[in-house]
Amino acid sequence: MWNHQIDFNLIYAALNCCKKDVNQTIQLLFKFEQWKFRDNNEQNYKKRMNEFLEKRCCDHNINLFLMFFVKNKILEPIKASTVLTVNGLPFVKKDK
């Protein structure tokens, strides 16, 4: 999954979205992985990437995940990513 790299910030964000329920988190990440490659969702993110970067949301996996998670919800993905980034992500680098 994720090209054999683990993005701990993505797992952290998913855990928070699922209120720390591990089973729900696994299901959510699986659905996210499927969603990412359907309907050109990853390409659609690349079109909006600069909007995220202007708000200092530099973790592209988190931004894409929040586009998936907040779809059909009240929060705009850029605002959700900004809030998560401002509050701080716990991990700096991806584990390889």
PDB file of N, CA and C in Angstrom:
ATOM      1  N   MET A   1       0.845  -1.174   0.000  1.00  0.00           N
ATOM      2  CA  MET A   1       0.000   0.000   0.000  1.00  0.00           C
ATOM      3  C   MET A   1       0.889   1.235   0.000  1.00  0.00           C
ATOM      4  N   TRP A   2       0.531   2.246  -0.727  1.00  0.00           N
ATOM      5  CA  TRP A   2       1.272   3.500  -0.820  1.00  0.00           C
ATOM      6  C   TRP A   2       2.715   3.275  -1.265  1.00  0.00           C
ATOM      7  N   ASN A   3       2.910   2.453  -2.282  1.00  0.00           N
ATOM      8  CA  ASN A   3       4.233   2.198  -2.847  1.00  0.00           C
ATOM      9  C   ASN A   3       5.226   1.716  -1.793  1.00  0.00           C
ATOM     10  N   HIS A   4       4.760   0.901  -0.880  1.00  0.00           N
ATOM     11  CA  HIS A   4       5.582   0.325   0.182  1.00  0.00           C
ATOM     12  C   HIS A   4       6.177   1.385   1.114  1.00  0.00           C
ATOM     13  N   GLN A   5       5.567   2.524   1.175  1.00  0.00           N
ATOM     14  CA  GLN A   5       5.970   3.555   2.122  1.00  0.00           C
ATOM     15  C   GLN A   5       4.793   3.835   3.044  1.00  0.00           C
ATOM     16  N   ILE A   6       5.098   4.063   4.301  1.00  0.00           N
ATOM     17  CA  ILE A   6       4.050   4.349   5.263  1.00  0.00           C
ATOM     18  C   ILE A   6       4.107   5.837   5.588  1.00  0.00           C
ATOM     19  N   ASP A   7       3.001   6.506   5.373  1.00  0.00           N
ATOM     20  CA  ASP A   7       2.900   7.916   5.726  1.00  0.00           C
ATOM     21  C   ASP A   7       2.203   7.987   7.084  1.00  0.00           C
ATOM     22  N   PHE A   8       2.999   8.141   8.136  1.00  0.00           N
ATOM     23  CA  PHE A   8       2.440   8.129   9.482  1.00  0.00           C
ATOM     24  C   PHE A   8       1.473   9.287   9.714  1.00  0.00           C
ATOM     25  N   ASN A   9       1.695  10.414   9.050  1.00  0.00           N
ATOM     26  CA  ASN A   9       0.764  11.532   9.191  1.00  0.00           C
ATOM     27  C   ASN A   9      -0.603  11.174   8.622  1.00  0.00           C
ATOM     28  N   LEU A  10      -0.621  10.403   7.542  1.00  0.00           N
ATOM     29  CA  LEU A  10      -1.888   9.976   6.957  1.00  0.00           C
ATOM     30  C   LEU A  10      -2.622   9.048   7.932  1.00  0.00           C
ATOM     31  N   ILE A  11      -1.895   8.135   8.539  1.00  0.00           N
ATOM     32  CA  ILE A  11      -2.500   7.239   9.528  1.00  0.00           C
ATOM     33  C   ILE A  11      -3.004   8.048  10.726  1.00  0.00           C
ATOM     34  N   TYR A  12      -2.219   9.014  11.158  1.00  0.00           N
ATOM     35  CA  TYR A  12      -2.609   9.886  12.270  1.00  0.00           C
ATOM     36  C   TYR A  12      -3.898  10.632  11.942  1.00  0.00           C
ATOM     37  N   ALA A  13      -3.981  11.201  10.737  1.00  0.00           N
ATOM     38  CA  ALA A  13      -5.175  11.943  10.333  1.00  0.00           C
ATOM     39  C   ALA A  13      -6.382  11.011  10.258  1.00  0.00           C
ATOM     40  N   ALA A  14      -6.192   9.833   9.698  1.00  0.00           N
ATOM     41  CA  ALA A  14      -7.298   8.877   9.584  1.00  0.00           C
ATOM     42  C   ALA A  14      -7.772   8.421  10.965  1.00  0.00           C
ATOM     43  N   LEU A  15      -6.829   8.172  11.866  1.00  0.00           N
ATOM     44  CA  LEU A  15      -7.210   7.792  13.237  1.00  0.00           C
ATOM     45  C   LEU A  15      -8.044   8.881  13.893  1.00  0.00           C
ATOM     46  N   ASN A  16      -7.649  10.136  13.705  1.00  0.00           N
ATOM     47  CA  ASN A  16      -8.415  11.240  14.284  1.00  0.00           C
ATOM     48  C   ASN A  16      -9.806  11.348  13.659  1.00  0.00           C
ATOM     49  N   CYS A  17      -9.897  11.111  12.364  1.00  0.00           N
ATOM     50  CA  CYS A  17     -11.199  11.159  11.688  1.00  0.00           C
ATOM     51  C   CYS A  17     -12.124  10.056  12.176  1.00  0.00           C
ATOM     52  N   CYS A  18     -11.538   8.948  12.594  1.00  0.00           N
ATOM     53  CA  CYS A  18     -12.319   7.790  13.064  1.00  0.00           C
ATOM     54  C   CYS A  18     -12.380   7.719  14.581  1.00  0.00           C
ATOM     55  N   LYS A  19     -12.044   8.793  15.232  1.00  0.00           N
ATOM     56  CA  LYS A  19     -12.061   8.870  16.702  1.00  0.00           C
ATOM     57  C   LYS A  19     -11.263   7.737  17.340  1.00  0.00           C
ATOM     58  N   LYS A  20     -10.107   7.453  16.722  1.00  0.00           N
ATOM     59  CA  LYS A  20      -9.124   6.483  17.218  1.00  0.00           C
ATOM     60  C   LYS A  20      -9.610   5.032  17.183  1.00  0.00           C
ATOM     61  N   ASP A  21     -10.633   4.730  16.393  1.00  0.00           N
ATOM     62  CA  ASP A  21     -11.097   3.357  16.202  1.00  0.00           C
ATOM     63  C   ASP A  21     -10.256   2.722  15.091  1.00  0.00           C
ATOM     64  N   VAL A  22      -9.432   1.739  15.443  1.00  0.00           N
ATOM     65  CA  VAL A  22      -8.472   1.147  14.509  1.00  0.00           C
ATOM     66  C   VAL A  22      -9.176   0.451  13.352  1.00  0.00           C
ATOM     67  N   ASN A  23     -10.232  -0.307  13.634  1.00  0.00           N
ATOM     68  CA  ASN A  23     -10.937  -1.016  12.560  1.00  0.00           C
ATOM     69  C   ASN A  23     -11.548  -0.040  11.554  1.00  0.00           C
ATOM     70  N   GLN A  24     -12.169   1.005  12.044  1.00  0.00           N
ATOM     71  CA  GLN A  24     -12.732   2.025  11.150  1.00  0.00           C
ATOM     72  C   GLN A  24     -11.629   2.707  10.354  1.00  0.00           C
ATOM     73  N   THR A  25     -10.499   2.946  10.991  1.00  0.00           N
ATOM     74  CA  THR A  25      -9.371   3.599  10.325  1.00  0.00           C
ATOM     75  C   THR A  25      -8.865   2.752   9.173  1.00  0.00           C
ATOM     76  N   ILE A  26      -8.732   1.455   9.390  1.00  0.00           N
ATOM     77  CA  ILE A  26      -8.277   0.560   8.320  1.00  0.00           C
ATOM     78  C   ILE A  26      -9.259   0.574   7.161  1.00  0.00           C
ATOM     79  N   GLN A  27     -10.543   0.515   7.466  1.00  0.00           N
ATOM     80  CA  GLN A  27     -11.566   0.556   6.418  1.00  0.00           C
ATOM     81  C   GLN A  27     -11.519   1.884   5.665  1.00  0.00           C
ATOM     82  N   LEU A  28     -11.359   2.972   6.400  1.00  0.00           N
ATOM     83  CA  LEU A  28     -11.311   4.294   5.781  1.00  0.00           C
ATOM     84  C   LEU A  28     -10.106   4.425   4.859  1.00  0.00           C
ATOM     85  N   LEU A  29      -8.939   3.965   5.301  1.00  0.00           N
ATOM     86  CA  LEU A  29      -7.744   4.045   4.466  1.00  0.00           C
ATOM     87  C   LEU A  29      -7.861   3.166   3.224  1.00  0.00           C
ATOM     88  N   PHE A  30      -8.514   2.022   3.357  1.00  0.00           N
ATOM     89  CA  PHE A  30      -8.742   1.153   2.206  1.00  0.00           C
ATOM     90  C   PHE A  30      -9.662   1.841   1.194  1.00  0.00           C
ATOM     91  N   LYS A  31     -10.746   2.448   1.691  1.00  0.00           N
ATOM     92  CA  LYS A  31     -11.664   3.178   0.798  1.00  0.00           C
ATOM     93  C   LYS A  31     -10.959   4.359   0.148  1.00  0.00           C
ATOM     94  N   PHE A  32     -10.101   5.032   0.914  1.00  0.00           N
ATOM     95  CA  PHE A  32      -9.342   6.162   0.369  1.00  0.00           C
ATOM     96  C   PHE A  32      -8.442   5.713  -0.769  1.00  0.00           C
ATOM     97  N   GLU A  33      -7.759   4.595  -0.573  1.00  0.00           N
ATOM     98  CA  GLU A  33      -6.849   4.088  -1.604  1.00  0.00           C
ATOM     99  C   GLU A  33      -7.619   3.764  -2.889  1.00  0.00           C
ATOM    100  N   GLN A  34      -8.801   3.200  -2.745  1.00  0.00           N
ATOM    101  CA  GLN A  34      -9.633   2.909  -3.920  1.00  0.00           C
ATOM    102  C   GLN A  34     -10.117   4.197  -4.573  1.00  0.00           C
ATOM    103  N   TRP A  35     -10.573   5.150  -3.771  1.00  0.00           N
ATOM    104  CA  TRP A  35     -11.098   6.425  -4.269  1.00  0.00           C
ATOM    105  C   TRP A  35     -10.039   7.205  -5.032  1.00  0.00           C
ATOM    106  N   LYS A  36      -8.819   7.131  -4.534  1.00  0.00           N
ATOM    107  CA  LYS A  36      -7.728   7.917  -5.100  1.00  0.00           C
ATOM    108  C   LYS A  36      -7.545   7.641  -6.595  1.00  0.00           C
ATOM    109  N   PHE A  37      -7.729   6.399  -6.990  1.00  0.00           N
ATOM    110  CA  PHE A  37      -7.472   6.029  -8.377  1.00  0.00           C
ATOM    111  C   PHE A  37      -8.732   6.008  -9.243  1.00  0.00           C
ATOM    112  N   ARG A  38      -9.885   6.261  -8.658  1.00  0.00           N
ATOM    113  CA  ARG A  38     -11.131   6.315  -9.422  1.00  0.00           C
ATOM    114  C   ARG A  38     -11.407   7.741  -9.857  1.00  0.00           C
ATOM    115  N   ASP A  39     -12.063   7.875 -10.981  1.00  0.00           N
ATOM    116  CA  ASP A  39     -12.566   9.180 -11.458  1.00  0.00           C
ATOM    117  C   ASP A  39     -11.500  10.272 -11.493  1.00  0.00           C
ATOM    118  N   ASN A  40     -10.253   9.901 -11.699  1.00  0.00           N
ATOM    119  CA  ASN A  40      -9.155  10.877 -11.781  1.00  0.00           C
ATOM    120  C   ASN A  40      -9.052  11.770 -10.547  1.00  0.00           C
ATOM    121  N   ASN A  41      -9.383  11.249  -9.390  1.00  0.00           N
ATOM    122  CA  ASN A  41      -9.341  12.065  -8.176  1.00  0.00           C
ATOM    123  C   ASN A  41      -7.943  12.580  -7.862  1.00  0.00           C
ATOM    124  N   GLU A  42      -6.938  11.746  -8.105  1.00  0.00           N
ATOM    125  CA  GLU A  42      -5.563  12.195  -7.847  1.00  0.00           C
ATOM    126  C   GLU A  42      -5.181  13.309  -8.817  1.00  0.00           C
ATOM    127  N   GLN A  43      -5.612  13.206 -10.051  1.00  0.00           N
ATOM    128  CA  GLN A  43      -5.339  14.257 -11.044  1.00  0.00           C
ATOM    129  C   GLN A  43      -6.097  15.543 -10.693  1.00  0.00           C
ATOM    130  N   ASN A  44      -7.323  15.398 -10.188  1.00  0.00           N
ATOM    131  CA  ASN A  44      -8.095  16.569  -9.774  1.00  0.00           C
ATOM    132  C   ASN A  44      -7.396  17.303  -8.637  1.00  0.00           C
ATOM    133  N   TYR A  45      -6.766  16.547  -7.733  1.00  0.00           N
ATOM    134  CA  TYR A  45      -6.012  17.187  -6.658  1.00  0.00           C
ATOM    135  C   TYR A  45      -4.846  17.979  -7.222  1.00  0.00           C
ATOM    136  N   LYS A  46      -4.163  17.408  -8.200  1.00  0.00           N
ATOM    137  CA  LYS A  46      -2.995  18.089  -8.776  1.00  0.00           C
ATOM    138  C   LYS A  46      -3.387  19.427  -9.388  1.00  0.00           C
ATOM    139  N   LYS A  47      -4.617  19.538  -9.878  1.00  0.00           N
ATOM    140  CA  LYS A  47      -5.097  20.815 -10.421  1.00  0.00           C
ATOM    141  C   LYS A  47      -5.280  21.848  -9.312  1.00  0.00           C
ATOM    142  N   ARG A  48      -5.595  21.392  -8.099  1.00  0.00           N
ATOM    143  CA  ARG A  48      -5.851  22.296  -6.969  1.00  0.00           C
ATOM    144  C   ARG A  48      -4.670  22.392  -6.005  1.00  0.00           C
ATOM    145  N   MET A  49      -3.587  21.693  -6.301  1.00  0.00           N
ATOM    146  CA  MET A  49      -2.459  21.589  -5.385  1.00  0.00           C
ATOM    147  C   MET A  49      -1.950  22.959  -4.928  1.00  0.00           C
ATOM    148  N   ASN A  50      -1.873  23.921  -5.816  1.00  0.00           N
ATOM    149  CA  ASN A  50      -1.347  25.240  -5.439  1.00  0.00           C
ATOM    150  C   ASN A  50      -2.219  25.943  -4.403  1.00  0.00           C
ATOM    151  N   GLU A  51      -3.528  25.697  -4.443  1.00  0.00           N
ATOM    152  CA  GLU A  51      -4.413  26.285  -3.433  1.00  0.00           C
ATOM    153  C   GLU A  51      -4.026  25.790  -2.044  1.00  0.00           C
ATOM    154  N   PHE A  52      -3.719  24.504  -1.935  1.00  0.00           N
ATOM    155  CA  PHE A  52      -3.295  23.934  -0.656  1.00  0.00           C
ATOM    156  C   PHE A  52      -1.946  24.497  -0.239  1.00  0.00           C
ATOM    157  N   LEU A  53      -1.011  24.571  -1.185  1.00  0.00           N
ATOM    158  CA  LEU A  53       0.332  25.049  -0.868  1.00  0.00           C
ATOM    159  C   LEU A  53       0.324  26.502  -0.418  1.00  0.00           C
ATOM    160  N   GLU A  54      -0.582  27.310  -0.968  1.00  0.00           N
ATOM    161  CA  GLU A  54      -0.681  28.716  -0.544  1.00  0.00           C
ATOM    162  C   GLU A  54      -1.069  28.827   0.923  1.00  0.00           C
ATOM    163  N   LYS A  55      -1.799  27.846   1.425  1.00  0.00           N
ATOM    164  CA  LYS A  55      -2.215  27.840   2.838  1.00  0.00           C
ATOM    165  C   LYS A  55      -1.242  27.057   3.715  1.00  0.00           C
ATOM    166  N   ARG A  56      -0.057  26.744   3.147  1.00  0.00           N
ATOM    167  CA  ARG A  56       1.013  26.030   3.856  1.00  0.00           C
ATOM    168  C   ARG A  56       0.643  24.587   4.201  1.00  0.00           C
ATOM    169  N   CYS A  57      -0.195  23.980   3.391  1.00  0.00           N
ATOM    170  CA  CYS A  57      -0.564  22.574   3.559  1.00  0.00           C
ATOM    171  C   CYS A  57       0.290  21.789   2.578  1.00  0.00           C
ATOM    172  N   CYS A  58       1.454  21.354   3.021  1.00  0.00           N
ATOM    173  CA  CYS A  58       2.461  20.809   2.108  1.00  0.00           C
ATOM    174  C   CYS A  58       2.494  19.286   2.041  1.00  0.00           C
ATOM    175  N   ASP A  59       1.726  18.604   2.838  1.00  0.00           N
ATOM    176  CA  ASP A  59       1.701  17.145   2.802  1.00  0.00           C
ATOM    177  C   ASP A  59       0.622  16.716   1.805  1.00  0.00           C
ATOM    178  N   HIS A  60       1.044  16.328   0.624  1.00  0.00           N
ATOM    179  CA  HIS A  60       0.098  16.038  -0.457  1.00  0.00           C
ATOM    180  C   HIS A  60      -0.793  14.844  -0.136  1.00  0.00           C
ATOM    181  N   ASN A  61      -0.267  13.862   0.588  1.00  0.00           N
ATOM    182  CA  ASN A  61      -1.104  12.718   0.974  1.00  0.00           C
ATOM    183  C   ASN A  61      -2.229  13.149   1.905  1.00  0.00           C
ATOM    184  N   ILE A  62      -1.913  14.021   2.836  1.00  0.00           N
ATOM    185  CA  ILE A  62      -2.928  14.530   3.767  1.00  0.00           C
ATOM    186  C   ILE A  62      -3.965  15.348   3.002  1.00  0.00           C
ATOM    187  N   ASN A  63      -3.508  16.206   2.116  1.00  0.00           N
ATOM    188  CA  ASN A  63      -4.431  17.041   1.350  1.00  0.00           C
ATOM    189  C   ASN A  63      -5.383  16.185   0.523  1.00  0.00           C
ATOM    190  N   LEU A  64      -4.846  15.196  -0.149  1.00  0.00           N
ATOM    191  CA  LEU A  64      -5.669  14.305  -0.967  1.00  0.00           C
ATOM    192  C   LEU A  64      -6.634  13.517  -0.085  1.00  0.00           C
ATOM    193  N   PHE A  65      -6.144  13.049   1.061  1.00  0.00           N
ATOM    194  CA  PHE A  65      -7.004  12.315   1.988  1.00  0.00           C
ATOM    195  C   PHE A  65      -8.157  13.200   2.464  1.00  0.00           C
ATOM    196  N   LEU A  66      -7.865  14.442   2.782  1.00  0.00           N
ATOM    197  CA  LEU A  66      -8.924  15.326   3.266  1.00  0.00           C
ATOM    198  C   LEU A  66      -9.914  15.688   2.159  1.00  0.00           C
ATOM    199  N   MET A  67      -9.444  15.736   0.910  1.00  0.00           N
ATOM    200  CA  MET A  67     -10.390  15.916  -0.199  1.00  0.00           C
ATOM    201  C   MET A  67     -11.365  14.744  -0.227  1.00  0.00           C
ATOM    202  N   PHE A  68     -10.854  13.540   0.018  1.00  0.00           N
ATOM    203  CA  PHE A  68     -11.689  12.342   0.060  1.00  0.00           C
ATOM    204  C   PHE A  68     -12.615  12.379   1.278  1.00  0.00           C
ATOM    205  N   PHE A  69     -12.065  12.684   2.433  1.00  0.00           N
ATOM    206  CA  PHE A  69     -12.828  12.582   3.676  1.00  0.00           C
ATOM    207  C   PHE A  69     -13.917  13.641   3.796  1.00  0.00           C
ATOM    208  N   VAL A  70     -13.624  14.861   3.422  1.00  0.00           N
ATOM    209  CA  VAL A  70     -14.602  15.928   3.631  1.00  0.00           C
ATOM    210  C   VAL A  70     -15.547  16.110   2.445  1.00  0.00           C
ATOM    211  N   LYS A  71     -15.389  15.268   1.432  1.00  0.00           N
ATOM    212  CA  LYS A  71     -16.328  15.317   0.314  1.00  0.00           C
ATOM    213  C   LYS A  71     -17.722  15.063   0.877  1.00  0.00           C
ATOM    214  N   ASN A  72     -18.660  15.894   0.519  1.00  0.00           N
ATOM    215  CA  ASN A  72     -20.040  15.820   1.010  1.00  0.00           C
ATOM    216  C   ASN A  72     -20.157  16.167   2.488  1.00  0.00           C
ATOM    217  N   LYS A  73     -19.169  16.797   3.035  1.00  0.00           N
ATOM    218  CA  LYS A  73     -19.244  17.247   4.418  1.00  0.00           C
ATOM    219  C   LYS A  73     -19.206  18.785   4.409  1.00  0.00           C
ATOM    220  N   ILE A  74     -19.318  19.372   5.560  1.00  0.00           N
ATOM    221  CA  ILE A  74     -19.403  20.830   5.658  1.00  0.00           C
ATOM    222  C   ILE A  74     -18.065  21.504   5.373  1.00  0.00           C
ATOM    223  N   LEU A  75     -16.982  20.973   5.901  1.00  0.00           N
ATOM    224  CA  LEU A  75     -15.674  21.616   5.765  1.00  0.00           C
ATOM    225  C   LEU A  75     -15.132  21.526   4.349  1.00  0.00           C
ATOM    226  N   GLU A  76     -14.525  22.571   3.898  1.00  0.00           N
ATOM    227  CA  GLU A  76     -13.792  22.595   2.625  1.00  0.00           C
ATOM    228  C   GLU A  76     -12.457  21.889   2.852  1.00  0.00           C
ATOM    229  N   PRO A  77     -11.993  21.060   1.898  1.00  0.00           N
ATOM    230  CA  PRO A  77     -10.736  20.323   2.106  1.00  0.00           C
ATOM    231  C   PRO A  77      -9.542  21.204   2.445  1.00  0.00           C
ATOM    232  N   ILE A  78      -9.435  22.370   1.838  1.00  0.00           N
ATOM    233  CA  ILE A  78      -8.287  23.244   2.113  1.00  0.00           C
ATOM    234  C   ILE A  78      -8.353  23.742   3.558  1.00  0.00           C
ATOM    235  N   LYS A  79      -9.540  24.089   4.009  1.00  0.00           N
ATOM    236  CA  LYS A  79      -9.689  24.553   5.391  1.00  0.00           C
ATOM    237  C   LYS A  79      -9.359  23.420   6.366  1.00  0.00           C
ATOM    238  N   ALA A  80      -9.842  22.208   6.080  1.00  0.00           N
ATOM    239  CA  ALA A  80      -9.559  21.062   6.952  1.00  0.00           C
ATOM    240  C   ALA A  80      -8.067  20.778   6.995  1.00  0.00           C
ATOM    241  N   SER A  81      -7.405  20.858   5.848  1.00  0.00           N
ATOM    242  CA  SER A  81      -5.968  20.605   5.793  1.00  0.00           C
ATOM    243  C   SER A  81      -5.201  21.692   6.547  1.00  0.00           C
ATOM    244  N   THR A  82      -5.643  22.927   6.425  1.00  0.00           N
ATOM    245  CA  THR A  82      -5.011  24.038   7.144  1.00  0.00           C
ATOM    246  C   THR A  82      -5.124  23.830   8.647  1.00  0.00           C
ATOM    247  N   VAL A  83      -6.307  23.454   9.117  1.00  0.00           N
ATOM    248  CA  VAL A  83      -6.517  23.224  10.552  1.00  0.00           C
ATOM    249  C   VAL A  83      -5.619  22.099  11.046  1.00  0.00           C
ATOM    250  N   LEU A  84      -5.555  21.020  10.295  1.00  0.00           N
ATOM    251  CA  LEU A  84      -4.718  19.889  10.697  1.00  0.00           C
ATOM    252  C   LEU A  84      -3.243  20.269  10.702  1.00  0.00           C
ATOM    253  N   THR A  85      -2.810  21.029   9.705  1.00  0.00           N
ATOM    254  CA  THR A  85      -1.406  21.448   9.606  1.00  0.00           C
ATOM    255  C   THR A  85      -1.048  22.429  10.725  1.00  0.00           C
ATOM    256  N   VAL A  86      -1.943  23.372  11.007  1.00  0.00           N
ATOM    257  CA  VAL A  86      -1.680  24.368  12.053  1.00  0.00           C
ATOM    258  C   VAL A  86      -1.572  23.684  13.409  1.00  0.00           C
ATOM    259  N   ASN A  87      -2.430  22.699  13.651  1.00  0.00           N
ATOM    260  CA  ASN A  87      -2.382  21.983  14.927  1.00  0.00           C
ATOM    261  C   ASN A  87      -1.139  21.115  15.028  1.00  0.00           C
ATOM    262  N   GLY A  88      -0.527  20.844  13.898  1.00  0.00           N
ATOM    263  CA  GLY A  88       0.730  20.105  13.887  1.00  0.00           C
ATOM    264  C   GLY A  88       0.552  18.629  13.602  1.00  0.00           C
ATOM    265  N   LEU A  89       1.339  18.151  12.678  1.00  0.00           N
ATOM    266  CA  LEU A  89       1.384  16.731  12.385  1.00  0.00           C
ATOM    267  C   LEU A  89       2.560  16.150  13.141  1.00  0.00           C
ATOM    268  N   PRO A  90       2.400  14.977  13.725  1.00  0.00           N
ATOM    269  CA  PRO A  90       3.434  14.464  14.622  1.00  0.00           C
ATOM    270  C   PRO A  90       4.688  13.922  13.943  1.00  0.00           C
ATOM    271  N   PHE A  91       4.626  13.570  12.666  1.00  0.00           N
ATOM    272  CA  PHE A  91       5.762  12.919  12.027  1.00  0.00           C
ATOM    273  C   PHE A  91       6.346  13.805  10.938  1.00  0.00           C
ATOM    274  N   VAL A  92       7.655  13.766  10.793  1.00  0.00           N
ATOM    275  CA  VAL A  92       8.336  14.632   9.845  1.00  0.00           C
ATOM    276  C   VAL A  92       8.599  13.930   8.528  1.00  0.00           C
ATOM    277  N   LYS A  93       9.086  12.695   8.544  1.00  0.00           N
ATOM    278  CA  LYS A  93       9.452  11.991   7.334  1.00  0.00           C
ATOM    279  C   LYS A  93       8.654  10.710   7.188  1.00  0.00           C
ATOM    280  N   LYS A  94       8.582  10.230   5.952  1.00  0.00           N
ATOM    281  CA  LYS A  94       7.954   8.947   5.680  1.00  0.00           C
ATOM    282  C   LYS A  94       8.919   7.835   6.057  1.00  0.00           C
ATOM    283  N   ASP A  95       8.367   6.758   6.591  1.00  0.00           N
ATOM    284  CA  ASP A  95       9.156   5.578   6.900  1.00  0.00           C
ATOM    285  C   ASP A  95       9.272   4.749   5.634  1.00  0.00           C
ATOM    286  N   LYS A  96      10.473   4.327   5.274  1.00  0.00           N
ATOM    287  CA  LYS A  96      10.661   3.558   4.059  1.00  0.00           C
ATOM    288  C   LYS A  96      10.976   2.119   4.385  1.00  0.00           C
TER     289      LYS A  96
END
